[in-house]
Protein backbone atom coordinates (compact mmCIF):
# COMPACT_ATOMS: atom_id res chain seq x y z
CA MET A 1 14.24 -4.47 20.83
CA PHE A 2 11.39 -6.47 22.36
CA TYR A 3 9.09 -5.67 19.44
CA ILE A 4 11.82 -6.31 16.88
CA SER A 5 12.51 -9.71 18.43
CA ILE A 6 8.81 -10.64 18.30
CA PHE A 7 8.58 -9.46 14.69
CA PHE A 8 11.40 -11.73 13.52
CA GLN A 9 10.05 -14.66 15.52
CA TYR A 10 6.66 -14.29 13.82
CA MET A 11 8.35 -13.95 10.45
CA SER A 12 10.42 -17.10 11.03
CA GLN A 13 7.32 -19.12 11.91
CA TYR A 14 5.43 -17.70 8.95
CA VAL A 15 8.15 -18.69 6.49
CA LYS A 16 8.31 -22.22 7.94
CA THR A 17 4.55 -22.58 7.55
CA LYS A 18 4.51 -21.36 3.96
CA LEU A 19 7.38 -23.61 2.93
CA GLN A 20 5.28 -26.60 3.96
CA TYR A 21 2.85 -25.73 1.15
CA ARG A 22 5.12 -24.71 -1.71
CA THR A 23 2.52 -25.36 -4.41
CA ASP A 24 0.05 -22.95 -2.80
CA LEU A 25 2.82 -20.36 -2.56
CA LEU A 26 3.61 -20.76 -6.26
CA VAL A 27 -0.06 -20.48 -7.23
CA GLU A 28 -0.44 -17.30 -5.18
CA PHE A 29 2.63 -15.80 -6.84
CA LEU A 30 1.41 -16.69 -10.35
CA SER A 31 -2.09 -15.32 -9.72
CA ASP A 32 -0.63 -12.07 -8.40
CA LEU A 33 1.67 -11.84 -11.41
CA MET A 34 -1.27 -12.38 -13.78
CA PHE A 35 -3.27 -9.66 -12.02
CA GLN A 36 -0.41 -7.19 -12.39
CA GLY A 37 0.04 -8.25 -16.00
CA VAL A 38 -3.60 -7.43 -16.78
CA ASN A 39 -3.15 -3.91 -15.38
CA LEU A 40 -0.02 -3.44 -17.47
CA ILE A 41 -1.81 -4.68 -20.59
CA PHE A 42 -4.56 -2.12 -19.92
CA ILE A 43 -1.97 0.66 -20.04
CA LEU A 44 -0.53 -0.71 -23.27
CA VAL A 45 -3.99 -0.94 -24.84
CA VAL A 46 -4.74 2.68 -23.93
CA PHE A 47 -1.52 3.86 -25.53
CA GLY A 48 -2.24 1.76 -28.57
CA HIS A 49 -4.72 4.48 -29.49
CA THR A 50 -2.77 7.57 -28.39
CA GLN A 51 0.87 8.54 -27.89
CA PHE A 52 0.30 10.91 -24.96
CA LEU A 53 -2.11 11.10 -22.05
CA ASN A 54 -2.31 14.75 -21.00
CA GLY A 55 1.40 15.11 -21.78
CA TRP A 56 2.50 11.81 -20.20
CA THR A 57 4.08 9.18 -22.43
CA ARG A 58 3.43 5.45 -22.28
CA ASP A 59 6.80 4.68 -20.69
CA GLU A 60 6.34 7.37 -18.04
CA ILE A 61 3.01 5.88 -16.97
CA ILE A 62 4.53 2.39 -16.98
CA PHE A 63 7.27 3.74 -14.68
CA ILE A 64 4.63 5.18 -12.34
CA TYR A 65 2.79 1.86 -12.32
CA GLY A 66 6.01 0.01 -11.51
CA PHE A 67 6.81 2.37 -8.65
CA PHE A 68 3.28 2.02 -7.29
CA LEU A 69 3.71 -1.76 -7.05
CA VAL A 70 6.62 -1.46 -4.60
CA PRO A 71 4.91 0.40 -1.70
CA PHE A 72 1.70 -1.49 -2.42
CA ALA A 73 3.58 -4.79 -2.04
CA LEU A 74 4.92 -3.70 1.36
CA PHE A 75 1.44 -2.63 2.41
CA ALA A 76 -0.13 -5.92 1.29
CA ALA A 77 2.59 -7.92 3.06
CA PHE A 78 2.40 -6.22 6.46
CA PHE A 79 -0.99 -4.49 6.69
CA ASN A 80 -3.36 -7.15 5.43
CA ILE A 81 -6.35 -6.11 7.54
CA TRP A 82 -9.11 -6.39 4.93
CA ASP A 83 -11.20 -8.69 7.16
CA PHE A 84 -10.58 -6.92 10.48
CA ASN A 85 -14.26 -6.17 11.12
CA GLU A 86 -15.46 -9.70 10.39
CA ARG A 87 -12.68 -11.57 12.16
CA TYR A 88 -11.72 -9.42 15.12
CA ILE A 89 -14.90 -7.52 15.96
CA VAL A 90 -17.83 -9.68 14.84
CA ARG A 91 -16.18 -12.97 15.82
CA GLY A 92 -14.69 -11.50 18.97
CA GLU A 93 -11.00 -12.27 18.41
CA MET A 94 -10.14 -8.76 19.52
CA ASP A 95 -10.79 -9.95 23.08
CA ARG A 96 -7.94 -12.44 22.74
CA VAL A 97 -5.60 -9.81 21.31
CA LEU A 98 -6.22 -7.40 24.18
CA THR A 99 -5.20 -9.96 26.81
CA ARG A 100 -1.58 -9.89 25.61
CA PRO A 101 1.06 -7.36 26.75
CA VAL A 102 1.81 -6.15 23.21
CA HIS A 103 0.15 -3.32 21.30
CA SER A 104 -3.01 -4.66 19.66
CA LEU A 105 -2.30 -3.21 16.20
CA PHE A 106 1.19 -4.71 16.19
CA GLN A 107 -0.24 -8.14 17.01
CA ILE A 108 -2.83 -7.96 14.24
CA VAL A 109 -0.22 -6.84 11.72
CA LEU A 110 1.88 -9.89 12.60
CA GLU A 111 -1.07 -12.29 12.54
CA ARG A 112 -2.23 -11.10 9.11
CA MET A 113 1.26 -10.94 7.57
CA GLU A 114 1.56 -12.21 3.97
CA LEU A 115 5.21 -12.08 3.01
CA GLU A 116 4.59 -13.61 -0.41
CA SER A 117 3.09 -10.25 -1.43
CA LEU A 118 6.62 -8.83 -1.38
CA LEU A 119 7.17 -10.57 -4.71
CA GLY A 120 4.96 -7.87 -6.20
CA GLY A 121 7.64 -5.37 -5.24
CA ILE A 122 10.18 -7.28 -7.32
CA THR A 123 7.78 -7.11 -10.26
CA GLY A 124 7.50 -3.37 -9.72
CA LEU A 125 11.28 -2.94 -9.76
CA VAL A 126 11.49 -4.89 -13.02
CA VAL A 127 8.76 -2.75 -14.60
CA MET A 128 10.50 0.41 -13.41
CA GLY A 129 13.81 -0.78 -14.81
CA TYR A 130 12.23 -1.49 -18.19
CA ALA A 131 10.57 1.93 -18.35
CA ALA A 132 13.71 3.73 -17.10
CA SER A 133 15.82 2.13 -19.82
CA ARG A 134 13.31 3.20 -22.45
CA LEU A 135 13.26 6.73 -21.06
CA HIS A 136 17.08 6.86 -20.73
CA LEU A 137 16.78 8.05 -17.14
CA SER A 138 19.94 8.78 -15.17
CA PHE A 139 20.17 8.43 -11.40
CA HIS A 140 22.44 9.75 -8.65
CA TRP A 141 23.69 7.83 -5.62
CA TYR A 142 21.33 9.70 -3.30
CA ASP A 143 18.34 8.67 -5.43
CA VAL A 144 18.50 5.27 -3.73
CA ILE A 145 17.95 6.93 -0.33
CA LEU A 146 15.10 9.03 -1.72
CA PHE A 147 13.58 5.95 -3.33
CA VAL A 148 13.52 4.15 0.04
CA LEU A 149 11.99 7.21 1.75
CA PHE A 150 9.35 7.61 -0.96
CA VAL A 151 8.47 3.91 -0.88
CA LEU A 152 8.11 3.93 2.91
CA GLY A 153 6.07 7.13 2.69
CA GLY A 154 3.71 5.56 0.14
CA THR A 155 3.42 2.40 2.24
CA PHE A 156 2.47 4.37 5.34
CA VAL A 157 -0.07 6.42 3.37
CA TYR A 158 -1.81 3.22 2.30
CA ALA A 159 -1.47 1.70 5.78
CA GLY A 160 -2.77 4.84 7.47
CA ILE A 161 -5.88 5.00 5.33
CA PHE A 162 -6.81 1.35 5.79
CA ILE A 163 -5.99 1.25 9.51
CA SER A 164 -8.30 4.26 9.91
CA LEU A 165 -11.03 2.39 8.04
CA ALA A 166 -10.50 -0.67 10.24
CA SER A 167 -10.72 1.53 13.34
CA ILE A 168 -14.27 2.53 12.41
CA SER A 169 -15.27 -1.02 13.38
CA PHE A 170 -14.77 -0.12 17.04
CA TRP A 171 -17.71 2.27 16.73
CA SER A 172 -19.78 0.27 14.24
CA ASP A 173 -19.67 -3.53 14.11
CA ALA A 174 -21.83 -3.83 11.00
CA ARG A 175 -20.70 -6.58 8.67
CA SER A 176 -20.63 -4.34 5.62
CA SER A 177 -17.29 -2.76 4.82
CA ILE A 178 -16.13 0.14 2.64
CA MET A 179 -12.66 -1.34 2.26
CA PRO A 180 -13.32 -2.88 -1.20
CA MET A 181 -14.55 0.49 -2.45
CA MET A 182 -11.52 2.22 -0.94
CA TYR A 183 -9.24 -0.34 -2.58
CA ASN A 184 -10.72 0.57 -5.97
CA ILE A 185 -10.26 4.27 -5.25
CA GLY A 186 -6.63 3.55 -4.37
CA ASN A 187 -6.05 2.28 -7.89
CA TYR A 188 -6.40 5.86 -9.13
CA GLY A 189 -3.01 6.53 -7.55
CA ARG A 190 -1.41 4.44 -10.27
CA TYR A 191 -1.99 7.14 -12.86
CA PRO A 192 -1.07 10.85 -13.17
CA VAL A 193 -3.54 12.89 -11.13
CA ASP A 194 -3.66 15.68 -13.71
CA ILE A 195 -5.66 13.43 -16.06
CA TYR A 196 -8.59 13.72 -13.61
CA ASN A 197 -10.81 16.71 -12.93
CA ARG A 198 -9.96 19.19 -10.20
CA VAL A 199 -12.20 17.62 -7.52
CA ILE A 200 -10.77 14.12 -7.91
CA ARG A 201 -7.25 15.55 -7.98
CA TYR A 202 -7.87 17.36 -4.68
CA VAL A 203 -9.34 14.23 -3.06
CA LEU A 204 -6.41 12.04 -4.17
CA THR A 205 -3.93 14.60 -2.82
CA TRP A 206 -5.32 15.88 0.48
CA ILE A 207 -8.28 13.72 1.59
CA LEU A 208 -7.41 10.21 0.42
CA PRO A 209 -3.78 10.86 -0.58
CA PHE A 210 -3.28 7.83 -2.81
CA ALA A 211 -1.43 10.05 -5.29
CA PHE A 212 1.52 10.00 -2.87
CA VAL A 213 1.83 6.25 -3.44
CA GLY A 214 2.46 6.41 -7.16
CA VAL A 215 2.52 9.51 -9.29
CA TYR A 216 3.98 12.12 -6.91
CA PRO A 217 7.09 10.21 -5.80
CA SER A 218 7.59 8.87 -9.33
CA ALA A 219 7.57 12.41 -10.69
CA TYR A 220 10.91 13.08 -9.01
CA PHE A 221 12.64 10.21 -10.81
CA LEU A 222 10.96 11.21 -14.06
CA ARG A 223 12.43 14.72 -13.56
CA LYS A 224 9.03 16.41 -13.57
CA THR A 225 10.23 19.50 -11.73
CA GLU A 226 6.75 20.99 -11.41
CA TRP A 227 5.82 18.08 -9.11
CA TYR A 228 8.94 18.11 -6.92
CA THR A 229 7.19 19.76 -3.97
CA TYR A 230 4.66 16.93 -3.86
CA SER A 231 7.42 14.35 -4.31
CA PHE A 232 9.28 15.49 -1.21
CA LEU A 233 6.02 15.68 0.74
CA THR A 234 5.57 11.92 0.32
CA PRO A 235 7.41 10.85 3.53
CA VAL A 236 5.66 13.62 5.47
CA MET A 237 2.24 12.51 4.26
CA GLY A 238 3.12 8.93 5.17
CA ILE A 239 4.05 9.90 8.74
CA VAL A 240 0.95 12.08 9.13
CA CYS A 241 -1.46 9.44 7.79
CA PHE A 242 0.04 6.63 9.84
CA THR A 243 0.23 8.69 13.05
CA LEU A 244 -3.39 9.79 12.75
CA SER A 245 -4.49 6.22 12.08
CA VAL A 246 -2.69 4.92 15.19
CA LEU A 247 -4.28 7.65 17.31
CA LEU A 248 -7.70 6.73 15.91
CA TRP A 249 -6.98 3.05 16.56
CA ASN A 250 -5.99 3.73 20.18
CA ALA A 251 -9.16 5.77 20.71
CA GLY A 252 -11.21 2.92 19.24
CA VAL A 253 -9.54 0.33 21.47
CA LYS A 254 -10.41 2.42 24.55
CA ARG A 255 -14.02 2.44 23.44
CA TYR A 256 -14.13 -1.30 22.68
CA ARG A 257 -16.26 -3.21 25.18
CA GLY A 258 -15.84 -6.80 23.97
CA ALA A 259 -17.82 -9.18 21.80
CA GLY A 260 -20.46 -10.02 24.43
CA ASN A 261 -23.85 -8.33 24.77
């Protein structure tokens, strides 16, 4: 209850701050919408030259892309730690965080919160709805529960990977970061993994499991029965990735010796 109370207090203050600069909030939303629109146009351009992509139709891939946007929006809203190395290690703000009686990762998540990114999830739901109507998909009442579980699983997969990358900074405080490269690799999870070669498919499933953010959970709603096992593994992979990342983070914090020389 203590952590929940702090979370909502931070959220309240964040909303008040953002509402003081409504124009900036609108610009951020429009730029994010344009970025998502460009990715959607890319899919449409590809299918302007072919009707199928390794057996997947245009509307199925649009559905996968829409699903991907929902867990990615949650990740971007609550795990915005792209600049962790530069801000908290190089500049020494981690020292300030560790003086407070709250878990360090929880504090950083709250400090870097960007709730406006949640609007991307709404865009994803709209895209999914459009594709589902075109595909004439039917849903059961329990699909809503599975959808929530799959979305949370995908969010924790993304969070686990990037928290693990941030944790490396406790051992190496070099200014260079592999996060941008990892972000680009994560984009491969927007598309069916069977369009890639066997090595990339293995990496996206078991090493950097970005496929559990988009294609695998989406396969259940698209009634791709051959992928059901992977679909139901999504929450498990999320828990595993996030748990391992927290353990790595805690080990890194124990090793941290401060910003001084």
